[in-house]
Amino acid sequence: MKLGATDVVSKPIDSEHLLTIIRDTLRRDVHLGAMQGGRRAVEVRGFAQLTPREREVLLLITNGQSNKEAGRELGISPRTIEVHRARVMEKLGARNTADLMRIVLTS
């Protein structure tokens, strides 16, 4: 809790409650980031640098698909998805998948 947890979710997970918690937390994070200067310029510039394939991968990953599922849908290997995902994260300045989700949801 001391490291920034905002809520506790117990099983079985209520999807709507979980999404509400995530949205509220992202809004709070965006608000704090705006007050501290944030990395908004890097994020916007990063979206413009994405290739069409990287945009496809970003869409599938942010919709919750695994590398394997995204690879099947696009007809490429999961390893190729990993490479595209890494490039997307680098271009958008995301440190991890949660950060990537925040960037996409707030853009």
N, C-alpha and C. Protein backbone atom coordinates (compact mmCIF):
# COMPACT_ATOMS: atom_id res chain seq x y z
N MET A 1 0.82 -1.18 0.00
CA MET A 1 0.00 0.00 0.00
C MET A 1 0.87 1.25 0.00
N LYS A 2 1.99 1.20 0.64
CA LYS A 2 2.85 2.38 0.72
C LYS A 2 3.46 2.74 -0.63
N LEU A 3 3.52 1.79 -1.54
CA LEU A 3 4.13 2.04 -2.84
C LEU A 3 3.15 2.57 -3.88
N GLY A 4 1.91 2.89 -3.47
CA GLY A 4 0.99 3.52 -4.41
C GLY A 4 -0.25 2.73 -4.74
N ALA A 5 -0.53 1.65 -4.06
CA ALA A 5 -1.76 0.91 -4.32
C ALA A 5 -2.95 1.81 -4.01
N THR A 6 -3.96 1.76 -4.86
CA THR A 6 -5.12 2.62 -4.66
C THR A 6 -6.35 1.86 -4.18
N ASP A 7 -6.34 0.55 -4.36
CA ASP A 7 -7.48 -0.26 -3.96
C ASP A 7 -7.06 -1.72 -3.90
N VAL A 8 -7.92 -2.52 -3.31
CA VAL A 8 -7.68 -3.96 -3.24
C VAL A 8 -8.84 -4.64 -3.96
N VAL A 9 -8.51 -5.60 -4.81
CA VAL A 9 -9.53 -6.33 -5.56
C VAL A 9 -9.49 -7.78 -5.10
N SER A 10 -10.65 -8.31 -4.74
CA SER A 10 -10.69 -9.69 -4.28
C SER A 10 -11.40 -10.56 -5.31
N LYS A 11 -11.13 -11.84 -5.27
CA LYS A 11 -11.76 -12.80 -6.17
C LYS A 11 -13.12 -13.18 -5.64
N PRO A 12 -14.07 -13.51 -6.46
CA PRO A 12 -14.05 -13.37 -7.91
C PRO A 12 -14.08 -11.90 -8.30
N ILE A 13 -13.41 -11.60 -9.39
CA ILE A 13 -13.24 -10.21 -9.81
C ILE A 13 -14.48 -9.75 -10.57
N ASP A 14 -15.02 -8.62 -10.13
CA ASP A 14 -16.12 -7.96 -10.83
C ASP A 14 -15.49 -7.05 -11.87
N SER A 15 -15.65 -7.39 -13.14
CA SER A 15 -14.99 -6.66 -14.23
C SER A 15 -15.31 -5.18 -14.22
N GLU A 16 -16.56 -4.85 -14.02
CA GLU A 16 -16.95 -3.43 -14.03
C GLU A 16 -16.28 -2.66 -12.89
N HIS A 17 -16.24 -3.28 -11.71
CA HIS A 17 -15.59 -2.63 -10.56
C HIS A 17 -14.10 -2.44 -10.85
N LEU A 18 -13.46 -3.45 -11.42
CA LEU A 18 -12.04 -3.36 -11.74
C LEU A 18 -11.78 -2.25 -12.75
N LEU A 19 -12.60 -2.16 -13.81
CA LEU A 19 -12.42 -1.11 -14.80
C LEU A 19 -12.63 0.28 -14.19
N THR A 20 -13.58 0.40 -13.29
CA THR A 20 -13.83 1.68 -12.62
C THR A 20 -12.60 2.09 -11.80
N ILE A 21 -12.04 1.15 -11.06
CA ILE A 21 -10.84 1.42 -10.27
C ILE A 21 -9.69 1.86 -11.16
N ILE A 22 -9.49 1.16 -12.27
CA ILE A 22 -8.39 1.47 -13.19
C ILE A 22 -8.58 2.86 -13.78
N ARG A 23 -9.78 3.16 -14.24
CA ARG A 23 -10.04 4.48 -14.83
C ARG A 23 -9.82 5.60 -13.82
N ASP A 24 -10.32 5.41 -12.60
CA ASP A 24 -10.15 6.43 -11.56
C ASP A 24 -8.67 6.65 -11.23
N THR A 25 -7.94 5.56 -11.15
CA THR A 25 -6.51 5.65 -10.85
C THR A 25 -5.76 6.34 -11.98
N LEU A 26 -6.10 6.01 -13.22
CA LEU A 26 -5.45 6.65 -14.36
C LEU A 26 -5.75 8.15 -14.39
N ARG A 27 -7.00 8.51 -14.11
CA ARG A 27 -7.35 9.94 -14.08
C ARG A 27 -6.52 10.67 -13.02
N ARG A 28 -6.40 10.06 -11.85
CA ARG A 28 -5.61 10.67 -10.78
C ARG A 28 -4.15 10.78 -11.18
N ASP A 29 -3.62 9.72 -11.83
CA ASP A 29 -2.24 9.73 -12.27
C ASP A 29 -2.00 10.80 -13.33
N VAL A 30 -2.94 10.94 -14.26
CA VAL A 30 -2.82 11.95 -15.30
C VAL A 30 -2.85 13.34 -14.67
N HIS A 31 -3.72 13.53 -13.71
CA HIS A 31 -3.82 14.82 -13.03
C HIS A 31 -2.49 15.16 -12.34
N LEU A 32 -1.93 14.19 -11.62
CA LEU A 32 -0.65 14.42 -10.94
C LEU A 32 0.46 14.66 -11.94
N GLY A 33 0.44 13.91 -13.04
CA GLY A 33 1.46 14.08 -14.08
C GLY A 33 1.40 15.45 -14.71
N ALA A 34 0.18 15.95 -14.94
CA ALA A 34 0.01 17.29 -15.52
C ALA A 34 0.55 18.35 -14.58
N MET A 35 0.34 18.13 -13.29
CA MET A 35 0.83 19.10 -12.31
C MET A 35 2.36 19.09 -12.23
N GLN A 36 2.96 17.95 -12.57
CA GLN A 36 4.41 17.81 -12.47
C GLN A 36 5.11 17.96 -13.81
N GLY A 37 4.40 18.32 -14.85
CA GLY A 37 5.03 18.53 -16.16
C GLY A 37 4.89 17.35 -17.09
N GLY A 38 4.73 16.13 -16.58
CA GLY A 38 4.46 14.93 -17.36
C GLY A 38 5.40 14.71 -18.54
N ARG A 39 5.10 13.67 -19.31
CA ARG A 39 5.89 13.35 -20.50
C ARG A 39 5.03 13.44 -21.74
N ARG A 40 4.03 14.30 -21.73
CA ARG A 40 3.04 14.39 -22.79
C ARG A 40 3.65 14.59 -24.17
N ALA A 41 4.62 15.47 -24.30
CA ALA A 41 5.22 15.76 -25.60
C ALA A 41 5.88 14.52 -26.19
N VAL A 42 6.55 13.74 -25.36
CA VAL A 42 7.18 12.50 -25.83
C VAL A 42 6.11 11.53 -26.31
N GLU A 43 5.01 11.42 -25.58
CA GLU A 43 3.95 10.49 -25.95
C GLU A 43 3.33 10.87 -27.29
N VAL A 44 3.00 12.13 -27.48
CA VAL A 44 2.37 12.57 -28.73
C VAL A 44 3.32 12.36 -29.90
N ARG A 45 4.55 12.74 -29.72
CA ARG A 45 5.55 12.56 -30.78
C ARG A 45 5.73 11.07 -31.08
N GLY A 46 5.65 10.24 -30.06
CA GLY A 46 5.81 8.80 -30.24
C GLY A 46 4.73 8.18 -31.09
N PHE A 47 3.48 8.61 -30.90
CA PHE A 47 2.37 8.06 -31.70
C PHE A 47 2.59 8.34 -33.19
N ALA A 48 3.12 9.49 -33.50
CA ALA A 48 3.36 9.86 -34.90
C ALA A 48 4.45 9.00 -35.51
N GLN A 49 5.33 8.45 -34.70
CA GLN A 49 6.44 7.64 -35.21
C GLN A 49 6.07 6.17 -35.42
N LEU A 50 4.92 5.73 -34.95
CA LEU A 50 4.55 4.32 -35.06
C LEU A 50 4.25 3.94 -36.50
N THR A 51 4.74 2.76 -36.89
CA THR A 51 4.41 2.21 -38.21
C THR A 51 3.00 1.64 -38.17
N PRO A 52 2.40 1.40 -39.33
CA PRO A 52 1.05 0.79 -39.33
C PRO A 52 1.00 -0.54 -38.57
N ARG A 53 2.02 -1.37 -38.71
CA ARG A 53 2.04 -2.66 -38.01
C ARG A 53 2.15 -2.45 -36.50
N GLU A 54 2.97 -1.49 -36.08
CA GLU A 54 3.10 -1.20 -34.66
C GLU A 54 1.78 -0.70 -34.09
N ARG A 55 1.03 0.06 -34.87
CA ARG A 55 -0.29 0.52 -34.43
C ARG A 55 -1.24 -0.65 -34.26
N GLU A 56 -1.16 -1.61 -35.19
CA GLU A 56 -2.01 -2.82 -35.07
C GLU A 56 -1.66 -3.59 -33.80
N VAL A 57 -0.37 -3.78 -33.57
CA VAL A 57 0.08 -4.51 -32.39
C VAL A 57 -0.34 -3.76 -31.12
N LEU A 58 -0.18 -2.45 -31.11
CA LEU A 58 -0.58 -1.65 -29.96
C LEU A 58 -2.06 -1.83 -29.66
N LEU A 59 -2.88 -1.79 -30.69
CA LEU A 59 -4.33 -1.97 -30.51
C LEU A 59 -4.65 -3.33 -29.90
N LEU A 60 -4.04 -4.38 -30.42
CA LEU A 60 -4.32 -5.73 -29.92
C LEU A 60 -3.82 -5.92 -28.48
N ILE A 61 -2.63 -5.41 -28.21
CA ILE A 61 -2.06 -5.57 -26.86
C ILE A 61 -2.88 -4.79 -25.84
N THR A 62 -3.28 -3.57 -26.20
CA THR A 62 -4.06 -2.77 -25.25
C THR A 62 -5.49 -3.28 -25.11
N ASN A 63 -5.92 -4.14 -26.02
CA ASN A 63 -7.22 -4.79 -25.88
C ASN A 63 -7.11 -6.06 -25.04
N GLY A 64 -5.93 -6.33 -24.52
CA GLY A 64 -5.75 -7.43 -23.60
C GLY A 64 -5.28 -8.74 -24.22
N GLN A 65 -4.95 -8.73 -25.49
CA GLN A 65 -4.50 -9.97 -26.12
C GLN A 65 -3.04 -10.25 -25.76
N SER A 66 -2.74 -11.52 -25.62
CA SER A 66 -1.36 -11.92 -25.37
C SER A 66 -0.58 -11.83 -26.67
N ASN A 67 0.73 -11.97 -26.57
CA ASN A 67 1.56 -11.97 -27.77
C ASN A 67 1.15 -13.10 -28.71
N LYS A 68 0.85 -14.23 -28.14
CA LYS A 68 0.45 -15.40 -28.94
C LYS A 68 -0.86 -15.14 -29.67
N GLU A 69 -1.85 -14.59 -28.96
CA GLU A 69 -3.15 -14.30 -29.57
C GLU A 69 -3.03 -13.23 -30.65
N ALA A 70 -2.26 -12.19 -30.36
CA ALA A 70 -2.07 -11.11 -31.34
C ALA A 70 -1.36 -11.65 -32.58
N GLY A 71 -0.37 -12.51 -32.37
CA GLY A 71 0.35 -13.11 -33.49
C GLY A 71 -0.56 -13.94 -34.38
N ARG A 72 -1.43 -14.73 -33.75
CA ARG A 72 -2.39 -15.53 -34.52
C ARG A 72 -3.29 -14.63 -35.36
N GLU A 73 -3.79 -13.56 -34.75
CA GLU A 73 -4.71 -12.67 -35.45
C GLU A 73 -4.04 -11.96 -36.63
N LEU A 74 -2.77 -11.59 -36.46
CA LEU A 74 -2.07 -10.88 -37.52
C LEU A 74 -1.31 -11.82 -38.47
N GLY A 75 -1.26 -13.10 -38.13
CA GLY A 75 -0.57 -14.06 -38.97
C GLY A 75 0.95 -13.97 -38.89
N ILE A 76 1.45 -13.56 -37.72
CA ILE A 76 2.89 -13.49 -37.51
C ILE A 76 3.23 -14.19 -36.19
N SER A 77 4.52 -14.42 -35.97
CA SER A 77 4.92 -15.17 -34.78
C SER A 77 4.82 -14.30 -33.52
N PRO A 78 4.64 -14.95 -32.37
CA PRO A 78 4.62 -14.21 -31.10
C PRO A 78 5.93 -13.45 -30.86
N ARG A 79 7.03 -13.97 -31.33
CA ARG A 79 8.33 -13.29 -31.17
C ARG A 79 8.34 -11.97 -31.95
N THR A 80 7.73 -11.98 -33.13
CA THR A 80 7.64 -10.75 -33.91
C THR A 80 6.78 -9.73 -33.20
N ILE A 81 5.72 -10.20 -32.56
CA ILE A 81 4.86 -9.32 -31.76
C ILE A 81 5.69 -8.69 -30.64
N GLU A 82 6.53 -9.49 -29.99
CA GLU A 82 7.38 -8.98 -28.91
C GLU A 82 8.29 -7.86 -29.41
N VAL A 83 8.84 -8.03 -30.60
CA VAL A 83 9.73 -7.01 -31.17
C VAL A 83 8.95 -5.73 -31.43
N HIS A 84 7.76 -5.86 -32.05
CA HIS A 84 6.93 -4.68 -32.33
C HIS A 84 6.51 -4.00 -31.02
N ARG A 85 6.15 -4.81 -30.06
CA ARG A 85 5.72 -4.27 -28.76
C ARG A 85 6.86 -3.48 -28.09
N ALA A 86 8.06 -4.01 -28.14
CA ALA A 86 9.21 -3.33 -27.56
C ALA A 86 9.47 -2.00 -28.27
N ARG A 87 9.33 -1.98 -29.59
CA ARG A 87 9.52 -0.73 -30.34
C ARG A 87 8.44 0.29 -30.00
N VAL A 88 7.20 -0.17 -29.84
CA VAL A 88 6.10 0.72 -29.47
C VAL A 88 6.38 1.33 -28.11
N MET A 89 6.77 0.50 -27.16
CA MET A 89 7.05 0.99 -25.81
C MET A 89 8.20 2.00 -25.82
N GLU A 90 9.21 1.75 -26.62
CA GLU A 90 10.34 2.67 -26.71
C GLU A 90 9.91 4.01 -27.31
N LYS A 91 9.14 3.96 -28.39
CA LYS A 91 8.71 5.18 -29.06
C LYS A 91 7.76 6.01 -28.21
N LEU A 92 6.93 5.34 -27.40
CA LEU A 92 5.96 6.05 -26.57
C LEU A 92 6.53 6.39 -25.19
N GLY A 93 7.71 5.89 -24.89
CA GLY A 93 8.33 6.19 -23.61
C GLY A 93 7.72 5.42 -22.45
N ALA A 94 7.12 4.26 -22.75
CA ALA A 94 6.51 3.44 -21.70
C ALA A 94 7.57 2.57 -21.04
N ARG A 95 7.51 2.50 -19.72
CA ARG A 95 8.47 1.68 -18.97
C ARG A 95 7.99 0.23 -18.84
N ASN A 96 6.67 0.04 -18.86
CA ASN A 96 6.10 -1.29 -18.73
C ASN A 96 4.71 -1.29 -19.35
N THR A 97 4.03 -2.43 -19.33
CA THR A 97 2.72 -2.54 -19.96
C THR A 97 1.68 -1.64 -19.29
N ALA A 98 1.75 -1.51 -17.99
CA ALA A 98 0.81 -0.64 -17.28
C ALA A 98 0.99 0.81 -17.73
N ASP A 99 2.24 1.21 -17.89
CA ASP A 99 2.53 2.56 -18.35
C ASP A 99 2.02 2.74 -19.79
N LEU A 100 2.18 1.73 -20.61
CA LEU A 100 1.69 1.76 -21.97
C LEU A 100 0.17 1.94 -22.00
N MET A 101 -0.52 1.22 -21.13
CA MET A 101 -1.98 1.35 -21.04
C MET A 101 -2.36 2.76 -20.61
N ARG A 102 -1.66 3.32 -19.66
CA ARG A 102 -1.94 4.69 -19.21
C ARG A 102 -1.79 5.67 -20.35
N ILE A 103 -0.73 5.52 -21.12
CA ILE A 103 -0.47 6.42 -22.22
C ILE A 103 -1.59 6.34 -23.26
N VAL A 104 -2.00 5.12 -23.59
CA VAL A 104 -3.05 4.94 -24.59
C VAL A 104 -4.39 5.46 -24.08
N LEU A 105 -4.73 5.17 -22.85
CA LEU A 105 -6.02 5.58 -22.32
C LEU A 105 -6.13 7.09 -22.10
N THR A 106 -5.02 7.75 -21.94
CA THR A 106 -5.06 9.19 -21.68
C THR A 106 -4.74 10.02 -22.91
N SER A 107 -4.53 9.38 -24.04
CA SER A 107 -4.18 10.13 -25.27
C SER A 107 -5.39 10.31 -26.14
